[in-house]
Amino acid sequence: MQYPLVLKNFPNNVKLYIPDPLLIKPTYEALLLENQATPFPFWAKVWPSAVALTTFLQQNLDLIKHKAVVEIGAGLGLPSFSIAKDVAEIVITDYSIDAVELMKINSEQWGIQTIKAICADWNFFPASINADIVLLSDTNYAPSEFESLLKLIQQFIKKGATIIIATPERITTSPFIEQLELYISKRDLIDITYNEEMATIGLFVLK
C-alpha cells in the first residue's frame, strides 16, 4: 500500500483502514514525480454517495439479507463492508490495484469471510461474476463511461439481479438515470453531511 493509512470508525460498528486524508495529496505528488502516469487516487476518499448508500442499505436490510452481492467501482468499499455480516457473499470490485489491496487488508484484518475483493474494470467486467444484488455508488460521473455502465447494468438486470444506485445530484446524472427509467422500482433522496461536506444523493432501486 503506497498511501499511509489511518483507522476510521463508521456507523454500524464498521471500522476501516483508509488512506490518511491529510497525506493523500502529498503522497500522490511524490508518486507523480517518480511516474507521471500515476493516476489520482479518487478511490481513496469516502464519497457522500457511499455514505448515503450505506445508510440506505442499513434501513433496507430486507433487500440484501442472505443475498449474493457485488459492488462495482467500490473504491474503499464502505457499503459492502457495512453489510458483510448480513449477506451470503459479496464481491467488491474496483479497477485500482491499490483500492483492491486495501479492501483485502480490511477484510483480512477483521476476519470477514463473506468478502472477496478483485480488480475489475466495468468496461471489461468478468461475465463469470453473478449476483442477486448489484451496488453502484457515484460511478456515473463521466459521460464517456455511460455506455459501458448502462450495458453492464442491463446485463445484470436480464440475469434477474436487483441494482441499487447511489448518485449525487449533478447535471450529468439526469441523462444517465433517464435511460434506466424503465427499470426503476423505487427512488429516494438522502441528504448527507460527512466531513463538513453536504450533498443530496439520489437512491434508485432497479429491477
Protein backbone atom coordinates (compact mmCIF):
# COMPACT_ATOMS: atom_id res chain seq x y z
CA MET A 1 0.00 0.00 0.00
CA GLN A 2 1.55 3.27 -1.17
CA TYR A 3 -0.67 5.56 0.91
CA PRO A 4 -0.31 5.91 4.72
CA LEU A 5 -3.38 4.53 6.48
CA VAL A 6 -5.50 5.57 9.45
CA LEU A 7 -8.24 3.61 11.22
CA LYS A 8 -11.66 5.20 10.80
CA ASN A 9 -14.87 4.38 12.65
CA PHE A 10 -18.06 4.36 10.59
CA PRO A 11 -21.71 3.78 11.56
CA ASN A 12 -22.98 0.26 12.22
CA ASN A 13 -19.74 -0.65 14.05
CA VAL A 14 -17.72 -0.63 10.83
CA LYS A 15 -14.01 0.05 11.24
CA LEU A 16 -11.90 0.50 8.13
CA TYR A 17 -8.35 1.45 7.39
CA ILE A 18 -8.45 4.28 4.87
CA PRO A 19 -5.72 6.48 3.33
CA ASP A 20 -4.93 9.36 5.67
CA PRO A 21 -6.89 12.29 4.15
CA LEU A 22 -4.11 14.72 5.10
CA LEU A 23 -1.47 12.68 3.30
CA ILE A 24 -3.27 11.65 0.10
CA LYS A 25 -2.25 14.72 -1.92
CA PRO A 26 1.42 14.91 -0.84
CA THR A 27 1.82 11.15 -1.30
CA TYR A 28 0.28 11.35 -4.77
CA GLU A 29 2.55 14.26 -5.71
CA ALA A 30 5.59 12.26 -4.60
CA LEU A 31 4.46 9.26 -6.64
CA LEU A 32 3.84 11.54 -9.61
CA LEU A 33 7.47 12.67 -9.55
CA GLU A 34 8.50 9.03 -9.91
CA ASN A 35 5.92 8.21 -12.56
CA GLN A 36 3.99 10.87 -14.49
CA ALA A 37 1.38 8.25 -15.43
CA THR A 38 0.33 7.72 -11.79
CA PRO A 39 -3.47 8.10 -11.66
CA PHE A 40 -5.02 10.31 -9.00
CA PRO A 41 -6.49 8.09 -6.23
CA PHE A 42 -10.15 9.05 -6.46
CA TRP A 43 -10.82 5.67 -4.80
CA ALA A 44 -9.08 6.83 -1.61
CA LYS A 45 -11.83 9.16 -0.41
CA VAL A 46 -15.10 8.27 1.33
CA TRP A 47 -17.57 10.00 -1.00
CA PRO A 48 -21.03 11.19 0.13
CA SER A 49 -22.71 8.68 -2.21
CA ALA A 50 -21.01 5.80 -0.39
CA VAL A 51 -22.25 7.15 2.95
CA ALA A 52 -25.77 7.54 1.54
CA LEU A 53 -25.76 4.03 0.08
CA THR A 54 -24.55 2.64 3.40
CA THR A 55 -27.39 4.44 5.20
CA PHE A 56 -29.95 3.19 2.67
CA LEU A 57 -28.76 -0.41 2.95
CA GLN A 58 -28.95 -0.34 6.75
CA GLN A 59 -32.51 0.95 6.51
CA ASN A 60 -33.48 -1.68 3.93
CA LEU A 61 -31.69 -4.84 5.03
CA ASP A 62 -34.56 -6.92 3.68
CA LEU A 63 -33.31 -6.12 0.18
CA ILE A 64 -29.89 -7.72 0.72
CA LYS A 65 -30.36 -10.21 3.57
CA HIS A 66 -28.68 -13.56 2.74
CA LYS A 67 -28.17 -12.48 -0.89
CA ALA A 68 -25.14 -12.67 -3.17
CA VAL A 69 -23.91 -9.10 -3.70
CA VAL A 70 -21.39 -7.40 -5.97
CA GLU A 71 -20.23 -3.79 -5.68
CA ILE A 72 -18.82 -2.23 -8.84
CA GLY A 73 -16.31 0.63 -8.76
CA ALA A 74 -16.29 0.27 -4.98
CA GLY A 75 -13.28 2.40 -4.02
CA LEU A 76 -12.94 1.83 -0.28
CA GLY A 77 -15.99 -0.45 -0.28
CA LEU A 78 -17.76 1.12 2.70
CA PRO A 79 -21.30 0.00 1.66
CA SER A 80 -20.09 -3.57 1.17
CA PHE A 81 -18.26 -3.78 4.49
CA SER A 82 -21.31 -2.36 6.25
CA ILE A 83 -23.49 -5.29 5.14
CA ALA A 84 -20.89 -8.07 5.13
CA LYS A 85 -22.45 -9.81 8.14
CA ASP A 86 -25.93 -9.75 6.58
CA VAL A 87 -25.25 -11.20 3.12
CA ALA A 88 -24.43 -14.69 1.90
CA GLU A 89 -21.39 -13.46 -0.02
CA ILE A 90 -20.11 -10.25 -1.51
CA VAL A 91 -17.64 -9.46 -4.30
CA ILE A 92 -16.12 -5.98 -4.14
CA THR A 93 -14.54 -4.71 -7.34
CA ASP A 94 -12.53 -1.71 -8.47
CA TYR A 95 -10.17 -1.00 -11.36
CA SER A 96 -7.50 0.31 -8.96
CA ILE A 97 -4.97 -2.23 -7.71
CA ASP A 98 -4.34 -0.07 -4.63
CA ALA A 99 -8.06 0.05 -3.80
CA VAL A 100 -8.36 -3.74 -4.05
CA GLU A 101 -5.23 -4.19 -1.94
CA LEU A 102 -6.77 -2.05 0.81
CA MET A 103 -10.08 -3.94 0.59
CA LYS A 104 -8.12 -7.15 1.19
CA ILE A 105 -6.25 -5.59 4.12
CA ASN A 106 -9.54 -4.60 5.77
CA SER A 107 -11.18 -7.93 5.04
CA GLU A 108 -8.26 -9.89 6.50
CA GLN A 109 -7.85 -7.52 9.45
CA TRP A 110 -11.41 -8.11 10.62
CA GLY A 111 -11.66 -11.74 9.55
CA ILE A 112 -14.59 -11.15 7.20
CA GLN A 113 -15.10 -14.43 5.36
CA THR A 114 -18.02 -13.31 3.17
CA ILE A 115 -15.99 -10.76 1.19
CA LYS A 116 -13.91 -11.32 -1.92
CA ALA A 117 -12.07 -8.31 -3.41
CA ILE A 118 -10.98 -8.40 -7.04
CA CYS A 119 -9.58 -5.96 -9.57
CA ALA A 120 -12.15 -5.44 -12.34
CA ASP A 121 -12.87 -2.68 -14.84
CA TRP A 122 -16.57 -2.16 -15.59
CA ASN A 123 -15.66 -1.70 -19.27
CA PHE A 124 -14.48 -5.32 -19.34
CA PHE A 125 -16.37 -6.82 -16.44
CA PRO A 126 -15.94 -10.59 -15.93
CA ALA A 127 -19.01 -12.43 -17.24
CA SER A 128 -18.41 -15.09 -14.59
CA ILE A 129 -19.45 -12.73 -11.78
CA ASN A 130 -23.14 -13.13 -10.95
CA ALA A 131 -25.15 -11.63 -8.10
CA ASP A 132 -28.63 -11.15 -6.68
CA ILE A 133 -27.81 -7.52 -5.78
CA VAL A 134 -25.52 -5.08 -7.59
CA LEU A 135 -24.33 -1.91 -5.83
CA LEU A 136 -23.04 1.21 -7.60
CA SER A 137 -22.01 4.34 -5.72
CA ASP A 138 -21.15 7.54 -7.66
CA THR A 139 -19.95 5.60 -10.69
CA ASN A 140 -21.82 7.68 -13.29
CA TYR A 141 -19.53 10.72 -13.08
CA ALA A 142 -18.13 10.66 -16.63
CA PRO A 143 -20.48 10.72 -19.66
CA SER A 144 -17.82 8.87 -21.67
CA GLU A 145 -18.38 5.88 -19.36
CA PHE A 146 -22.18 5.86 -19.56
CA GLU A 147 -22.47 3.39 -22.43
CA SER A 148 -20.35 0.74 -20.71
CA LEU A 149 -22.11 1.20 -17.37
CA LEU A 150 -25.59 1.09 -18.88
CA LYS A 151 -24.74 -2.05 -20.82
CA LEU A 152 -23.38 -3.74 -17.69
CA ILE A 153 -26.41 -2.75 -15.60
CA GLN A 154 -28.79 -4.06 -18.25
CA GLN A 155 -26.88 -7.33 -18.44
CA PHE A 156 -27.29 -7.86 -14.69
CA ILE A 157 -30.99 -6.95 -14.83
CA LYS A 158 -31.53 -9.50 -17.61
CA LYS A 159 -29.97 -12.10 -15.30
CA GLY A 160 -32.57 -11.20 -12.64
CA ALA A 161 -30.40 -9.03 -10.39
CA THR A 162 -31.61 -6.02 -8.43
CA ILE A 163 -29.49 -2.89 -8.93
CA ILE A 164 -29.06 -0.23 -6.24
CA ILE A 165 -27.53 3.04 -7.42
CA ALA A 166 -26.43 6.00 -5.28
CA THR A 167 -25.60 9.13 -7.24
CA PRO A 168 -25.17 12.81 -6.35
CA GLU A 169 -27.45 15.39 -7.91
CA ARG A 170 -25.38 16.73 -10.80
CA ILE A 171 -26.09 17.87 -14.35
CA THR A 172 -24.73 14.69 -15.92
CA THR A 173 -26.82 12.44 -13.69
CA SER A 174 -30.20 13.03 -15.33
CA PRO A 175 -29.40 11.64 -18.82
CA PHE A 176 -27.90 8.51 -17.25
CA ILE A 177 -30.86 7.86 -14.95
CA GLU A 178 -33.36 8.68 -17.71
CA GLN A 179 -32.01 5.77 -19.74
CA LEU A 180 -32.75 3.46 -16.80
CA GLU A 181 -36.22 4.86 -16.06
CA LEU A 182 -37.95 1.72 -17.31
CA TYR A 183 -36.30 -0.38 -14.60
CA ILE A 184 -36.69 1.91 -11.56
CA SER A 185 -38.94 0.37 -8.90
CA LYS A 186 -38.02 2.66 -6.02
CA ARG A 187 -36.33 6.04 -5.62
CA ASP A 188 -35.38 8.25 -2.72
CA LEU A 189 -33.32 11.32 -1.84
CA ILE A 190 -30.93 11.31 1.10
CA ASP A 191 -29.27 14.45 2.49
CA ILE A 192 -25.77 13.64 3.69
CA THR A 193 -23.31 15.63 5.76
CA TYR A 194 -19.91 13.97 6.00
CA ASN A 195 -16.63 15.64 6.92
CA GLU A 196 -18.39 19.01 6.71
CA GLU A 197 -19.40 18.22 3.11
CA MET A 198 -23.12 18.43 2.35
CA ALA A 199 -24.75 16.63 -0.56
CA THR A 200 -28.14 15.39 -1.75
CA ILE A 201 -27.84 11.84 -3.02
CA GLY A 202 -30.35 10.07 -5.23
CA LEU A 203 -31.02 6.40 -4.43
CA PHE A 204 -32.52 4.18 -7.13
CA VAL A 205 -33.56 0.54 -6.97
CA LEU A 206 -33.77 -1.13 -10.39
CA LYS A 207 -35.28 -4.46 -11.35
